[in-house]
Amino acid sequence: MLGWILAGLLGAAAVSVIVITISGIIERKRIQDELKRQQDEIGKVLVEEINKCDRVVRLKDLDSESVYEINGDSISDDIYEGQYITI
């Protein structure tokens, strides 16, 4: 996991990867709540990747090109790749 983050940082200097860890199930409402707590003004994110084995959801901020990785205990079935989530 750390290797992916470092590779992403080295591969694209303009893109930042922000890792957020939550306890419990990763679901749409929890994603919205966690991203509201961030310092950045986030309007809309795209679910780029879901890794159910590692329990990671990768999100891309459509305004700033920032990437968020949400780690949790499990992933809800209401989250799918290609989904837009408005914050």
PDB file of N, CA and C in Angstrom:
ATOM      1  N   MET A   1       0.823  -1.184   0.000  1.00  0.00           N
ATOM      2  CA  MET A   1       0.000   0.000   0.000  1.00  0.00           C
ATOM      3  C   MET A   1       0.872   1.254   0.000  1.00  0.00           C
ATOM      4  N   LEU A   2       1.873   1.282   0.864  1.00  0.00           N
ATOM      5  CA  LEU A   2       2.763   2.430   0.923  1.00  0.00           C
ATOM      6  C   LEU A   2       3.509   2.592  -0.396  1.00  0.00           C
ATOM      7  N   GLY A   3       3.833   1.461  -1.030  1.00  0.00           N
ATOM      8  CA  GLY A   3       4.502   1.513  -2.328  1.00  0.00           C
ATOM      9  C   GLY A   3       3.650   2.181  -3.381  1.00  0.00           C
ATOM     10  N   TRP A   4       2.350   1.912  -3.356  1.00  0.00           N
ATOM     11  CA  TRP A   4       1.431   2.549  -4.318  1.00  0.00           C
ATOM     12  C   TRP A   4       1.380   4.054  -4.105  1.00  0.00           C
ATOM     13  N   ILE A   5       1.348   4.448  -2.840  1.00  0.00           N
ATOM     14  CA  ILE A   5       1.290   5.878  -2.535  1.00  0.00           C
ATOM     15  C   ILE A   5       2.561   6.567  -2.994  1.00  0.00           C
ATOM     16  N   LEU A   6       3.711   5.963  -2.688  1.00  0.00           N
ATOM     17  CA  LEU A   6       4.975   6.556  -3.116  1.00  0.00           C
ATOM     18  C   LEU A   6       5.105   6.583  -4.626  1.00  0.00           C
ATOM     19  N   ALA A   7       4.662   5.513  -5.285  1.00  0.00           N
ATOM     20  CA  ALA A   7       4.728   5.483  -6.745  1.00  0.00           C
ATOM     21  C   ALA A   7       3.832   6.562  -7.341  1.00  0.00           C
ATOM     22  N   GLY A   8       2.685   6.766  -6.742  1.00  0.00           N
ATOM     23  CA  GLY A   8       1.785   7.817  -7.215  1.00  0.00           C
ATOM     24  C   GLY A   8       2.367   9.194  -7.017  1.00  0.00           C
ATOM     25  N   LEU A   9       3.028   9.407  -5.889  1.00  0.00           N
ATOM     26  CA  LEU A   9       3.640  10.704  -5.623  1.00  0.00           C
ATOM     27  C   LEU A   9       4.821  10.967  -6.542  1.00  0.00           C
ATOM     28  N   LEU A  10       5.611   9.942  -6.797  1.00  0.00           N
ATOM     29  CA  LEU A  10       6.765  10.121  -7.670  1.00  0.00           C
ATOM     30  C   LEU A  10       6.354  10.202  -9.130  1.00  0.00           C
ATOM     31  N   GLY A  11       5.312   9.476  -9.517  1.00  0.00           N
ATOM     32  CA  GLY A  11       4.886   9.441 -10.908  1.00  0.00           C
ATOM     33  C   GLY A  11       4.196  10.709 -11.364  1.00  0.00           C
ATOM     34  N   ALA A  12       3.452  11.348 -10.481  1.00  0.00           N
ATOM     35  CA  ALA A  12       2.726  12.560 -10.846  1.00  0.00           C
ATOM     36  C   ALA A  12       2.884  13.567  -9.717  1.00  0.00           C
ATOM     37  N   ALA A  13       3.785  14.499  -9.913  1.00  0.00           N
ATOM     38  CA  ALA A  13       4.105  15.450  -8.852  1.00  0.00           C
ATOM     39  C   ALA A  13       2.937  16.369  -8.528  1.00  0.00           C
ATOM     40  N   ALA A  14       2.053  16.635  -9.472  1.00  0.00           N
ATOM     41  CA  ALA A  14       0.946  17.556  -9.247  1.00  0.00           C
ATOM     42  C   ALA A  14      -0.218  16.901  -8.495  1.00  0.00           C
ATOM     43  N   VAL A  15      -0.237  15.594  -8.426  1.00  0.00           N
ATOM     44  CA  VAL A  15      -1.335  14.875  -7.782  1.00  0.00           C
ATOM     45  C   VAL A  15      -0.924  14.513  -6.355  1.00  0.00           C
ATOM     46  N   SER A  16      -1.780  14.853  -5.407  1.00  0.00           N
ATOM     47  CA  SER A  16      -1.503  14.479  -4.020  1.00  0.00           C
ATOM     48  C   SER A  16      -2.434  13.344  -3.609  1.00  0.00           C
ATOM     49  N   VAL A  17      -1.912  12.406  -2.826  1.00  0.00           N
ATOM     50  CA  VAL A  17      -2.688  11.282  -2.328  1.00  0.00           C
ATOM     51  C   VAL A  17      -2.892  11.487  -0.838  1.00  0.00           C
ATOM     52  N   ILE A  18      -4.144  11.526  -0.430  1.00  0.00           N
ATOM     53  CA  ILE A  18      -4.491  11.724   0.974  1.00  0.00           C
ATOM     54  C   ILE A  18      -5.156  10.445   1.457  1.00  0.00           C
ATOM     55  N   VAL A  19      -4.574   9.837   2.486  1.00  0.00           N
ATOM     56  CA  VAL A  19      -5.084   8.581   3.023  1.00  0.00           C
ATOM     57  C   VAL A  19      -5.907   8.885   4.267  1.00  0.00           C
ATOM     58  N   ILE A  20      -7.147   8.373   4.286  1.00  0.00           N
ATOM     59  CA  ILE A  20      -8.054   8.561   5.416  1.00  0.00           C
ATOM     60  C   ILE A  20      -8.456   7.182   5.908  1.00  0.00           C
ATOM     61  N   THR A  21      -8.316   6.940   7.191  1.00  0.00           N
ATOM     62  CA  THR A  21      -8.704   5.662   7.780  1.00  0.00           C
ATOM     63  C   THR A  21      -9.912   5.884   8.680  1.00  0.00           C
ATOM     64  N   ILE A  22     -10.937   5.072   8.461  1.00  0.00           N
ATOM     65  CA  ILE A  22     -12.128   5.146   9.298  1.00  0.00           C
ATOM     66  C   ILE A  22     -12.368   3.779   9.926  1.00  0.00           C
ATOM     67  N   SER A  23     -13.056   3.765  11.043  1.00  0.00           N
ATOM     68  CA  SER A  23     -13.446   2.489  11.629  1.00  0.00           C
ATOM     69  C   SER A  23     -14.900   2.243  11.250  1.00  0.00           C
ATOM     70  N   GLY A  24     -15.169   1.045  10.787  1.00  0.00           N
ATOM     71  CA  GLY A  24     -16.517   0.716  10.359  1.00  0.00           C
ATOM     72  C   GLY A  24     -16.599   0.516   8.863  1.00  0.00           C
ATOM     73  N   ILE A  25     -17.818   0.533   8.378  1.00  0.00           N
ATOM     74  CA  ILE A  25     -18.088   0.271   6.959  1.00  0.00           C
ATOM     75  C   ILE A  25     -17.924   1.557   6.155  1.00  0.00           C
ATOM     76  N   ILE A  26     -17.244   1.446   5.018  1.00  0.00           N
ATOM     77  CA  ILE A  26     -17.120   2.573   4.100  1.00  0.00           C
ATOM     78  C   ILE A  26     -18.406   2.627   3.284  1.00  0.00           C
ATOM     79  N   GLU A  27     -19.175   3.694   3.452  1.00  0.00           N
ATOM     80  CA  GLU A  27     -20.407   3.882   2.701  1.00  0.00           C
ATOM     81  C   GLU A  27     -20.472   5.327   2.230  1.00  0.00           C
ATOM     82  N   ARG A  28     -21.410   5.617   1.364  1.00  0.00           N
ATOM     83  CA  ARG A  28     -21.502   6.926   0.735  1.00  0.00           C
ATOM     84  C   ARG A  28     -21.569   8.055   1.767  1.00  0.00           C
ATOM     85  N   LYS A  29     -22.405   7.927   2.764  1.00  0.00           N
ATOM     86  CA  LYS A  29     -22.566   8.967   3.790  1.00  0.00           C
ATOM     87  C   LYS A  29     -21.283   9.163   4.590  1.00  0.00           C
ATOM     88  N   ARG A  30     -20.591   8.075   4.918  1.00  0.00           N
ATOM     89  CA  ARG A  30     -19.326   8.187   5.662  1.00  0.00           C
ATOM     90  C   ARG A  30     -18.267   8.894   4.824  1.00  0.00           C
ATOM     91  N   ILE A  31     -18.242   8.602   3.522  1.00  0.00           N
ATOM     92  CA  ILE A  31     -17.297   9.286   2.635  1.00  0.00           C
ATOM     93  C   ILE A  31     -17.583  10.783   2.629  1.00  0.00           C
ATOM     94  N   GLN A  32     -18.848  11.155   2.492  1.00  0.00           N
ATOM     95  CA  GLN A  32     -19.219  12.568   2.494  1.00  0.00           C
ATOM     96  C   GLN A  32     -18.801  13.243   3.801  1.00  0.00           C
ATOM     97  N   ASP A  33     -19.077  12.592   4.925  1.00  0.00           N
ATOM     98  CA  ASP A  33     -18.728  13.172   6.231  1.00  0.00           C
ATOM     99  C   ASP A  33     -17.226  13.341   6.392  1.00  0.00           C
ATOM    100  N   GLU A  34     -16.454  12.332   5.998  1.00  0.00           N
ATOM    101  CA  GLU A  34     -14.995  12.404   6.146  1.00  0.00           C
ATOM    102  C   GLU A  34     -14.388  13.471   5.245  1.00  0.00           C
ATOM    103  N   LEU A  35     -14.885  13.597   4.019  1.00  0.00           N
ATOM    104  CA  LEU A  35     -14.325  14.592   3.107  1.00  0.00           C
ATOM    105  C   LEU A  35     -14.728  16.006   3.498  1.00  0.00           C
ATOM    106  N   LYS A  36     -15.860  16.165   4.164  1.00  0.00           N
ATOM    107  CA  LYS A  36     -16.248  17.486   4.659  1.00  0.00           C
ATOM    108  C   LYS A  36     -15.282  17.967   5.732  1.00  0.00           C
ATOM    109  N   ARG A  37     -14.663  17.044   6.447  1.00  0.00           N
ATOM    110  CA  ARG A  37     -13.717  17.399   7.511  1.00  0.00           C
ATOM    111  C   ARG A  37     -12.358  17.852   6.976  1.00  0.00           C
ATOM    112  N   GLN A  38     -12.085  17.593   5.715  1.00  0.00           N
ATOM    113  CA  GLN A  38     -10.805  17.972   5.120  1.00  0.00           C
ATOM    114  C   GLN A  38     -10.725  19.493   4.980  1.00  0.00           C
ATOM    115  N   GLN A  39      -9.525  20.015   4.936  1.00  0.00           N
ATOM    116  CA  GLN A  39      -9.301  21.453   4.809  1.00  0.00           C
ATOM    117  C   GLN A  39      -9.706  21.980   3.440  1.00  0.00           C
ATOM    118  N   ASP A  40      -9.598  21.139   2.416  1.00  0.00           N
ATOM    119  CA  ASP A  40      -9.877  21.563   1.047  1.00  0.00           C
ATOM    120  C   ASP A  40     -11.372  21.707   0.821  1.00  0.00           C
ATOM    121  N   GLU A  41     -11.745  22.568  -0.100  1.00  0.00           N
ATOM    122  CA  GLU A  41     -13.128  22.676  -0.544  1.00  0.00           C
ATOM    123  C   GLU A  41     -13.338  21.630  -1.629  1.00  0.00           C
ATOM    124  N   ILE A  42     -14.057  20.590  -1.295  1.00  0.00           N
ATOM    125  CA  ILE A  42     -14.292  19.489  -2.220  1.00  0.00           C
ATOM    126  C   ILE A  42     -15.740  19.555  -2.669  1.00  0.00           C
ATOM    127  N   GLY A  43     -15.968  19.550  -3.966  1.00  0.00           N
ATOM    128  CA  GLY A  43     -17.330  19.621  -4.470  1.00  0.00           C
ATOM    129  C   GLY A  43     -17.869  18.271  -4.898  1.00  0.00           C
ATOM    130  N   LYS A  44     -17.087  17.558  -5.706  1.00  0.00           N
ATOM    131  CA  LYS A  44     -17.544  16.288  -6.261  1.00  0.00           C
ATOM    132  C   LYS A  44     -16.346  15.375  -6.454  1.00  0.00           C
ATOM    133  N   VAL A  45     -16.514  14.100  -6.095  1.00  0.00           N
ATOM    134  CA  VAL A  45     -15.448  13.122  -6.280  1.00  0.00           C
ATOM    135  C   VAL A  45     -15.961  11.967  -7.128  1.00  0.00           C
ATOM    136  N   LEU A  46     -15.030  11.298  -7.773  1.00  0.00           N
ATOM    137  CA  LEU A  46     -15.316  10.127  -8.591  1.00  0.00           C
ATOM    138  C   LEU A  46     -14.694   8.914  -7.920  1.00  0.00           C
ATOM    139  N   VAL A  47     -15.466   7.842  -7.780  1.00  0.00           N
ATOM    140  CA  VAL A  47     -14.928   6.593  -7.240  1.00  0.00           C
ATOM    141  C   VAL A  47     -14.132   5.938  -8.369  1.00  0.00           C
ATOM    142  N   GLU A  48     -12.813   5.980  -8.257  1.00  0.00           N
ATOM    143  CA  GLU A  48     -11.948   5.443  -9.299  1.00  0.00           C
ATOM    144  C   GLU A  48     -11.725   3.949  -9.162  1.00  0.00           C
ATOM    145  N   GLU A  49     -11.539   3.481  -7.929  1.00  0.00           N
ATOM    146  CA  GLU A  49     -11.167   2.085  -7.730  1.00  0.00           C
ATOM    147  C   GLU A  49     -11.688   1.602  -6.383  1.00  0.00           C
ATOM    148  N   ILE A  50     -12.134   0.358  -6.360  1.00  0.00           N
ATOM    149  CA  ILE A  50     -12.548  -0.293  -5.121  1.00  0.00           C
ATOM    150  C   ILE A  50     -11.736  -1.567  -4.976  1.00  0.00           C
ATOM    151  N   ASN A  51     -11.038  -1.689  -3.852  1.00  0.00           N
ATOM    152  CA  ASN A  51     -10.254  -2.881  -3.561  1.00  0.00           C
ATOM    153  C   ASN A  51     -10.863  -3.532  -2.321  1.00  0.00           C
ATOM    154  N   LYS A  52     -11.736  -4.517  -2.545  1.00  0.00           N
ATOM    155  CA  LYS A  52     -12.435  -5.147  -1.422  1.00  0.00           C
ATOM    156  C   LYS A  52     -11.500  -6.019  -0.583  1.00  0.00           C
ATOM    157  N   CYS A  53     -10.437  -6.533  -1.168  1.00  0.00           N
ATOM    158  CA  CYS A  53      -9.489  -7.354  -0.395  1.00  0.00           C
ATOM    159  C   CYS A  53      -8.767  -6.511   0.658  1.00  0.00           C
ATOM    160  N   ASP A  54      -8.283  -5.335   0.251  1.00  0.00           N
ATOM    161  CA  ASP A  54      -7.575  -4.448   1.173  1.00  0.00           C
ATOM    162  C   ASP A  54      -8.511  -3.458   1.857  1.00  0.00           C
ATOM    163  N   ARG A  55      -9.801  -3.463   1.463  1.00  0.00           N
ATOM    164  CA  ARG A  55     -10.826  -2.577   2.017  1.00  0.00           C
ATOM    165  C   ARG A  55     -10.449  -1.109   1.822  1.00  0.00           C
ATOM    166  N   VAL A  56     -10.171  -0.753   0.557  1.00  0.00           N
ATOM    167  CA  VAL A  56      -9.763   0.603   0.194  1.00  0.00           C
ATOM    168  C   VAL A  56     -10.630   1.102  -0.952  1.00  0.00           C
ATOM    169  N   VAL A  57     -11.112   2.332  -0.809  1.00  0.00           N
ATOM    170  CA  VAL A  57     -11.838   3.009  -1.882  1.00  0.00           C
ATOM    171  C   VAL A  57     -10.987   4.198  -2.304  1.00  0.00           C
ATOM    172  N   ARG A  58     -10.680   4.284  -3.592  1.00  0.00           N
ATOM    173  CA  ARG A  58      -9.856   5.368  -4.131  1.00  0.00           C
ATOM    174  C   ARG A  58     -10.769   6.368  -4.837  1.00  0.00           C
ATOM    175  N   LEU A  59     -10.669   7.637  -4.426  1.00  0.00           N
ATOM    176  CA  LEU A  59     -11.517   8.701  -4.941  1.00  0.00           C
ATOM    177  C   LEU A  59     -10.668   9.776  -5.604  1.00  0.00           C
ATOM    178  N   LYS A  60     -11.200  10.400  -6.645  1.00  0.00           N
ATOM    179  CA  LYS A  60     -10.497  11.496  -7.308  1.00  0.00           C
ATOM    180  C   LYS A  60     -11.359  12.746  -7.220  1.00  0.00           C
ATOM    181  N   ASP A  61     -10.783  13.819  -6.673  1.00  0.00           N
ATOM    182  CA  ASP A  61     -11.467  15.104  -6.602  1.00  0.00           C
ATOM    183  C   ASP A  61     -11.476  15.700  -8.002  1.00  0.00           C
ATOM    184  N   LEU A  62     -12.650  16.008  -8.516  1.00  0.00           N
ATOM    185  CA  LEU A  62     -12.755  16.479  -9.893  1.00  0.00           C
ATOM    186  C   LEU A  62     -12.324  17.930 -10.058  1.00  0.00           C
ATOM    187  N   ASP A  63     -12.234  18.685  -8.968  1.00  0.00           N
ATOM    188  CA  ASP A  63     -11.817  20.084  -9.058  1.00  0.00           C
ATOM    189  C   ASP A  63     -10.309  20.253  -8.947  1.00  0.00           C
ATOM    190  N   SER A  64      -9.692  19.547  -8.010  1.00  0.00           N
ATOM    191  CA  SER A  64      -8.270  19.779  -7.733  1.00  0.00           C
ATOM    192  C   SER A  64      -7.363  18.647  -8.194  1.00  0.00           C
ATOM    193  N   GLU A  65      -7.923  17.558  -8.710  1.00  0.00           N
ATOM    194  CA  GLU A  65      -7.143  16.401  -9.137  1.00  0.00           C
ATOM    195  C   GLU A  65      -6.492  15.667  -7.962  1.00  0.00           C
ATOM    196  N   SER A  66      -6.837  16.018  -6.723  1.00  0.00           N
ATOM    197  CA  SER A  66      -6.322  15.294  -5.560  1.00  0.00           C
ATOM    198  C   SER A  66      -6.943  13.901  -5.524  1.00  0.00           C
ATOM    199  N   VAL A  67      -6.211  12.967  -4.936  1.00  0.00           N
ATOM    200  CA  VAL A  67      -6.679  11.586  -4.822  1.00  0.00           C
ATOM    201  C   VAL A  67      -6.801  11.249  -3.345  1.00  0.00           C
ATOM    202  N   TYR A  68      -7.914  10.643  -2.976  1.00  0.00           N
ATOM    203  CA  TYR A  68      -8.170  10.236  -1.599  1.00  0.00           C
ATOM    204  C   TYR A  68      -8.295   8.726  -1.561  1.00  0.00           C
ATOM    205  N   GLU A  69      -7.674   8.113  -0.574  1.00  0.00           N
ATOM    206  CA  GLU A  69      -7.831   6.683  -0.333  1.00  0.00           C
ATOM    207  C   GLU A  69      -8.474   6.517   1.030  1.00  0.00           C
ATOM    208  N   ILE A  70      -9.652   5.922   1.034  1.00  0.00           N
ATOM    209  CA  ILE A  70     -10.390   5.692   2.268  1.00  0.00           C
ATOM    210  C   ILE A  70     -10.201   4.235   2.658  1.00  0.00           C
ATOM    211  N   ASN A  71      -9.642   3.988   3.846  1.00  0.00           N
ATOM    212  CA  ASN A  71      -9.457   2.639   4.385  1.00  0.00           C
ATOM    213  C   ASN A  71     -10.496   2.413   5.465  1.00  0.00           C
ATOM    214  N   GLY A  72     -11.064   1.223   5.516  1.00  0.00           N
ATOM    215  CA  GLY A  72     -12.050   0.918   6.542  1.00  0.00           C
ATOM    216  C   GLY A  72     -12.115  -0.568   6.823  1.00  0.00           C
ATOM    217  N   ASP A  73     -13.109  -0.972   7.623  1.00  0.00           N
ATOM    218  CA  ASP A  73     -13.276  -2.377   7.989  1.00  0.00           C
ATOM    219  C   ASP A  73     -13.908  -3.191   6.868  1.00  0.00           C
ATOM    220  N   SER A  74     -14.816  -2.587   6.109  1.00  0.00           N
ATOM    221  CA  SER A  74     -15.428  -3.234   4.950  1.00  0.00           C
ATOM    222  C   SER A  74     -16.016  -2.148   4.050  1.00  0.00           C
ATOM    223  N   ILE A  75     -16.478  -2.545   2.866  1.00  0.00           N
ATOM    224  CA  ILE A  75     -17.013  -1.603   1.888  1.00  0.00           C
ATOM    225  C   ILE A  75     -18.465  -1.961   1.616  1.00  0.00           C
ATOM    226  N   SER A  76     -19.326  -0.966   1.699  1.00  0.00           N
ATOM    227  CA  SER A  76     -20.748  -1.165   1.451  1.00  0.00           C
ATOM    228  C   SER A  76     -20.994  -1.482  -0.027  1.00  0.00           C
ATOM    229  N   ASP A  77     -22.068  -2.214  -0.283  1.00  0.00           N
ATOM    230  CA  ASP A  77     -22.422  -2.553  -1.664  1.00  0.00           C
ATOM    231  C   ASP A  77     -22.997  -1.363  -2.431  1.00  0.00           C
ATOM    232  N   ASP A  78     -23.319  -0.254  -1.749  1.00  0.00           N
ATOM    233  CA  ASP A  78     -23.852   0.908  -2.460  1.00  0.00           C
ATOM    234  C   ASP A  78     -22.754   1.773  -3.069  1.00  0.00           C
ATOM    235  N   ILE A  79     -21.497   1.393  -2.894  1.00  0.00           N
ATOM    236  CA  ILE A  79     -20.361   2.088  -3.509  1.00  0.00           C
ATOM    237  C   ILE A  79     -19.912   1.272  -4.722  1.00  0.00           C
ATOM    238  N   TYR A  80     -19.755   1.937  -5.873  1.00  0.00           N
ATOM    239  CA  TYR A  80     -19.308   1.245  -7.080  1.00  0.00           C
ATOM    240  C   TYR A  80     -18.373   2.146  -7.885  1.00  0.00           C
ATOM    241  N   GLU A  81     -17.527   1.535  -8.682  1.00  0.00           N
ATOM    242  CA  GLU A  81     -16.572   2.287  -9.507  1.00  0.00           C
ATOM    243  C   GLU A  81     -17.333   3.092 -10.550  1.00  0.00           C
ATOM    244  N   GLY A  82     -16.895   4.322 -10.757  1.00  0.00           N
ATOM    245  CA  GLY A  82     -17.534   5.207 -11.721  1.00  0.00           C
ATOM    246  C   GLY A  82     -18.620   6.068 -11.096  1.00  0.00           C
ATOM    247  N   GLN A  83     -18.870   5.879  -9.824  1.00  0.00           N
ATOM    248  CA  GLN A  83     -19.908   6.626  -9.121  1.00  0.00           C
ATOM    249  C   GLN A  83     -19.393   8.027  -8.776  1.00  0.00           C
ATOM    250  N   TYR A  84     -20.256   9.029  -8.923  1.00  0.00           N
ATOM    251  CA  TYR A  84     -19.954  10.382  -8.497  1.00  0.00           C
ATOM    252  C   TYR A  84     -20.597  10.611  -7.144  1.00  0.00           C
ATOM    253  N   ILE A  85     -19.845  11.223  -6.228  1.00  0.00           N
ATOM    254  CA  ILE A  85     -20.362  11.536  -4.899  1.00  0.00           C
ATOM    255  C   ILE A  85     -20.192  13.032  -4.701  1.00  0.00           C
ATOM    256  N   THR A  86     -21.299  13.725  -4.448  1.00  0.00           N
ATOM    257  CA  THR A  86     -21.275  15.163  -4.200  1.00  0.00           C
ATOM    258  C   THR A  86     -21.091  15.393  -2.707  1.00  0.00           C
ATOM    259  N   ILE A  87     -20.179  16.303  -2.374  1.00  0.00           N
ATOM    260  CA  ILE A  87     -19.874  16.564  -0.969  1.00  0.00           C
ATOM    261  C   ILE A  87     -20.668  17.746  -0.469  1.00  0.00           C
TER     262      ILE A  87
END
